[in-house]
Amino acid sequence: MGFRAVTLDAYGTLLRNEGMALIPRRIVADHGLTVADDDVLRVWIELYHRETQVVPFRTLREIQGHVLEHVLRQFGVAADAARYVDLFFDVTTKVEPYPETLQVLSQLASVRSAIVSNADHEHLAAWKLTLPVEFILISEAVRAYKPHPTPFRRAVERLGVRPDEVLHVGDSEVDDVKGAKAAGLQVAWVNRDGRPRRPDVPPPDFEIRDLRELPALL
């Protein structure tokens, strides 16, 4: 389809971890809250997305410290948020590739590829695996988080191609679909669990169930 390069999200696309739902579940259990885990999760994720787009840039550890403290206070909990920040990093630094990840990346060897991830250097240092891509671009390195267009633009610049010649692959409708489309890239949305598409973000150019469908798009 004329793509000269592909950029890929990490978490939820190439890498699997225990999942963010563990943190609100632990908050509810630790403090005997009567609210649903999903209510805490929703508040946390909305605050997190908002805070990542606030300037000046802060690391995820700084952002999560602020956000999780706000979440606790909103639900009437006076505890220190530090243990939940540590839990967030425990969850997001223990990752493994999805079963098809390495095989699909090897199939893309003839196409230039890079990872674009909302991650700190702390995350990258903890990944105990090597992914066969040209480079990994993390938010802390470019001082901006997806869906801001900066991470995508920096990746395109390093690849030396036009934005419309790049296919971005990711599982987040906000960070990946909305962000990459705003930067002029085409997008393949990885929808592993068959979620209905959000009406408040642009439609992806492609929708795939997992990475095994990616080589056919390139």
Protein backbone atom coordinates (compact mmCIF):
# COMPACT_ATOMS: atom_id res chain seq x y z
CA MET A 1 0.00 0.00 0.00
CA GLY A 2 3.02 2.24 -0.43
CA PHE A 3 4.17 2.37 3.20
CA ARG A 4 7.90 2.90 3.56
CA ALA A 5 7.96 2.54 7.34
CA VAL A 6 5.92 1.41 10.29
CA THR A 7 5.84 2.77 13.83
CA LEU A 8 4.46 0.67 16.65
CA ASP A 9 3.13 1.35 20.12
CA ALA A 10 4.61 -0.82 22.88
CA TYR A 11 2.13 -1.48 25.71
CA GLY A 12 -0.98 -3.34 24.57
CA THR A 13 0.39 -3.64 21.04
CA LEU A 14 3.76 -5.39 21.21
CA LEU A 15 4.02 -5.94 24.96
CA ARG A 16 1.62 -7.44 27.45
CA ASN A 17 1.55 -6.69 31.17
CA GLU A 18 -0.80 -7.31 34.06
CA GLY A 19 -2.90 -4.28 33.23
CA MET A 20 -3.83 -0.97 34.75
CA ALA A 21 -7.00 -2.35 36.36
CA LEU A 22 -4.85 -3.77 39.17
CA ILE A 23 -4.22 -0.32 40.67
CA PRO A 24 -7.87 0.76 41.20
CA ARG A 25 -8.70 -2.77 42.32
CA ARG A 26 -6.01 -2.51 45.01
CA ILE A 27 -7.16 0.98 46.06
CA VAL A 28 -10.75 -0.22 46.52
CA ALA A 29 -9.64 -3.33 48.46
CA ASP A 30 -7.08 -1.57 50.66
CA HIS A 31 -9.52 1.07 51.85
CA GLY A 32 -12.81 -0.84 51.82
CA LEU A 33 -14.38 1.53 49.30
CA THR A 34 -17.95 0.89 48.20
CA VAL A 35 -17.40 2.28 44.69
CA ALA A 36 -16.78 0.00 41.73
CA ASP A 37 -13.22 -0.61 40.55
CA ASP A 38 -14.23 0.71 37.12
CA ASP A 39 -15.32 4.04 38.62
CA VAL A 40 -11.88 4.54 40.16
CA LEU A 41 -10.22 3.41 36.93
CA ARG A 42 -12.25 5.87 34.87
CA VAL A 43 -11.35 8.83 37.10
CA TRP A 44 -7.69 7.84 37.12
CA ILE A 45 -7.40 7.38 33.34
CA GLU A 46 -9.20 10.65 32.60
CA LEU A 47 -6.88 12.55 34.93
CA TYR A 48 -3.84 10.76 33.56
CA HIS A 49 -4.66 11.61 29.93
CA ARG A 50 -5.26 15.24 30.89
CA GLU A 51 -2.04 15.56 32.87
CA THR A 52 0.18 14.10 30.15
CA GLN A 53 -0.81 16.99 27.88
CA VAL A 54 0.00 19.72 30.44
CA VAL A 55 3.23 21.69 30.06
CA PRO A 56 5.93 21.75 31.23
CA PHE A 57 6.81 18.09 30.69
CA ARG A 58 6.92 15.78 33.71
CA THR A 59 7.97 12.15 33.94
CA LEU A 60 5.33 9.47 34.43
CA ARG A 61 6.48 8.98 38.01
CA GLU A 62 5.83 12.67 38.70
CA ILE A 63 2.49 12.61 36.87
CA GLN A 64 1.27 9.46 38.58
CA GLY A 65 2.22 10.85 41.97
CA HIS A 66 0.00 13.86 41.36
CA VAL A 67 -2.83 11.95 39.68
CA LEU A 68 -3.07 9.06 42.12
CA GLU A 69 -3.04 11.43 45.10
CA HIS A 70 -5.95 13.30 43.48
CA VAL A 71 -7.79 10.00 42.90
CA LEU A 72 -7.40 8.97 46.53
CA ARG A 73 -8.67 12.32 47.78
CA GLN A 74 -11.63 12.24 45.39
CA PHE A 75 -12.75 8.95 46.93
CA GLY A 76 -12.16 10.12 50.48
CA VAL A 77 -8.88 8.30 51.12
CA ALA A 78 -6.20 10.15 53.10
CA ALA A 79 -3.42 7.61 52.46
CA ASP A 80 -0.09 8.33 50.79
CA ALA A 81 -0.22 7.68 47.04
CA ALA A 82 3.43 6.56 46.87
CA ARG A 83 2.68 2.83 47.15
CA TYR A 84 0.26 3.02 44.23
CA VAL A 85 2.80 4.91 42.15
CA ASP A 86 5.27 2.10 42.90
CA LEU A 87 2.60 -0.43 41.95
CA PHE A 88 2.07 1.37 38.63
CA PHE A 89 5.76 1.05 37.84
CA ASP A 90 5.83 -2.55 39.04
CA VAL A 91 3.02 -3.35 36.59
CA THR A 92 4.43 -1.37 33.66
CA THR A 93 8.02 -2.57 33.94
CA LYS A 94 7.18 -6.29 34.03
CA VAL A 95 6.26 -7.06 30.45
CA GLU A 96 6.37 -9.88 27.94
CA PRO A 97 5.80 -9.86 24.20
CA TYR A 98 2.47 -11.04 22.85
CA PRO A 99 2.80 -14.53 21.33
CA GLU A 100 2.94 -13.20 17.77
CA THR A 101 5.14 -10.14 18.39
CA LEU A 102 8.63 -11.42 17.57
CA GLN A 103 7.51 -13.48 14.59
CA VAL A 104 5.61 -10.57 13.05
CA LEU A 105 8.49 -8.13 13.64
CA SER A 106 10.83 -10.56 11.89
CA GLN A 107 8.42 -10.64 8.94
CA LEU A 108 8.71 -6.86 8.72
CA ALA A 109 12.48 -6.94 8.32
CA SER A 110 12.29 -5.38 4.85
CA VAL A 111 10.30 -2.40 6.17
CA ARG A 112 11.85 0.26 8.37
CA SER A 113 10.31 0.12 11.83
CA ALA A 114 10.39 1.95 15.14
CA ILE A 115 8.61 1.90 18.48
CA VAL A 116 6.88 5.06 19.75
CA SER A 117 5.86 4.64 23.38
CA ASN A 118 4.59 6.69 26.31
CA ALA A 119 7.31 5.50 28.65
CA ASP A 120 10.07 6.80 30.90
CA HIS A 121 13.71 5.76 30.76
CA GLU A 122 12.86 3.78 33.89
CA HIS A 123 10.52 1.61 31.82
CA LEU A 124 12.92 1.08 28.95
CA ALA A 125 15.73 0.04 31.28
CA ALA A 126 13.47 -2.64 32.76
CA TRP A 127 12.48 -4.32 29.48
CA LYS A 128 14.27 -7.68 29.53
CA LEU A 129 13.94 -8.34 25.81
CA THR A 130 15.28 -7.13 22.50
CA LEU A 131 12.79 -6.06 19.85
CA PRO A 132 14.09 -6.05 16.24
CA VAL A 133 13.28 -2.45 15.30
CA GLU A 134 15.47 0.40 14.08
CA PHE A 135 14.98 2.51 17.18
CA ILE A 136 12.75 3.04 20.24
CA LEU A 137 11.44 6.55 20.87
CA ILE A 138 10.00 7.15 24.34
CA SER A 139 8.10 10.14 25.67
CA GLU A 140 10.76 11.13 28.18
CA ALA A 141 13.32 11.42 25.36
CA VAL A 142 11.18 13.81 23.30
CA ARG A 143 9.53 15.55 26.30
CA ALA A 144 6.00 14.89 25.03
CA TYR A 145 3.36 12.18 25.33
CA LYS A 146 1.07 10.74 22.72
CA PRO A 147 -1.48 11.86 21.53
CA HIS A 148 0.58 15.03 21.13
CA PRO A 149 1.97 14.92 17.58
CA THR A 150 5.60 15.50 18.66
CA PRO A 151 6.52 11.83 19.29
CA PHE A 152 5.15 10.84 15.88
CA ARG A 153 6.85 13.73 14.10
CA ARG A 154 10.19 12.95 15.71
CA ALA A 155 9.90 9.32 14.65
CA VAL A 156 9.05 10.32 11.07
CA GLU A 157 12.02 12.71 10.99
CA ARG A 158 14.40 9.97 12.15
CA LEU A 159 13.00 7.57 9.57
CA GLY A 160 13.54 10.19 6.86
CA VAL A 161 10.17 9.66 5.17
CA ARG A 162 6.94 11.61 4.76
CA PRO A 163 4.19 11.16 7.39
CA ASP A 164 1.80 9.72 4.81
CA GLU A 165 4.37 7.02 4.02
CA VAL A 166 4.22 5.70 7.60
CA LEU A 167 1.69 3.30 9.11
CA HIS A 168 1.36 3.60 12.87
CA VAL A 169 0.14 0.53 14.76
CA GLY A 170 -1.34 0.81 18.23
CA ASP A 171 -4.12 -0.25 20.58
CA SER A 172 -5.14 3.11 22.07
CA GLU A 173 -7.80 5.06 20.22
CA VAL A 174 -6.70 8.28 21.92
CA ASP A 175 -2.91 7.95 22.13
CA ASP A 176 -2.38 6.04 18.90
CA VAL A 177 -5.29 6.61 16.52
CA LYS A 178 -6.02 10.24 17.39
CA GLY A 179 -2.37 11.16 17.87
CA ALA A 180 -0.97 9.55 14.74
CA LYS A 181 -3.80 10.82 12.52
CA ALA A 182 -3.18 14.37 13.80
CA ALA A 183 0.48 13.99 12.79
CA GLY A 184 -0.46 12.88 9.26
CA LEU A 185 0.22 9.15 9.59
CA GLN A 186 -2.15 6.36 8.65
CA VAL A 187 -3.16 4.09 11.51
CA ALA A 188 -3.90 0.42 12.10
CA TRP A 189 -5.86 0.09 15.33
CA VAL A 190 -5.10 -3.14 17.22
CA ASN A 191 -8.42 -4.10 18.81
CA ARG A 192 -7.59 -7.34 20.60
CA ASP A 193 -10.78 -7.60 22.63
CA GLY A 194 -13.33 -6.41 20.06
CA ARG A 195 -14.13 -3.10 21.77
CA PRO A 196 -16.69 -0.86 20.06
CA ARG A 197 -15.03 2.11 18.40
CA ARG A 198 -15.20 5.41 20.25
CA PRO A 199 -17.27 8.03 18.40
CA ASP A 200 -15.14 10.94 19.68
CA VAL A 201 -11.91 9.99 17.87
CA PRO A 202 -11.14 9.76 14.16
CA PRO A 203 -11.72 6.33 12.63
CA PRO A 204 -8.55 4.31 12.02
CA ASP A 205 -7.52 3.49 8.46
CA PHE A 206 -7.42 -0.19 9.38
CA GLU A 207 -8.64 -2.30 12.29
CA ILE A 208 -6.87 -5.55 13.13
CA ARG A 209 -7.45 -8.14 15.85
CA ASP A 210 -3.76 -8.78 16.47
CA LEU A 211 -0.37 -8.25 14.86
CA ARG A 212 -0.64 -11.29 12.60
CA GLU A 213 -2.82 -9.19 10.28
CA LEU A 214 -0.17 -6.46 9.99
CA PRO A 215 2.14 -7.88 7.25
CA ALA A 216 -0.75 -7.97 4.77
CA LEU A 217 -1.24 -4.21 5.23
CA LEU A 218 2.36 -3.44 4.30
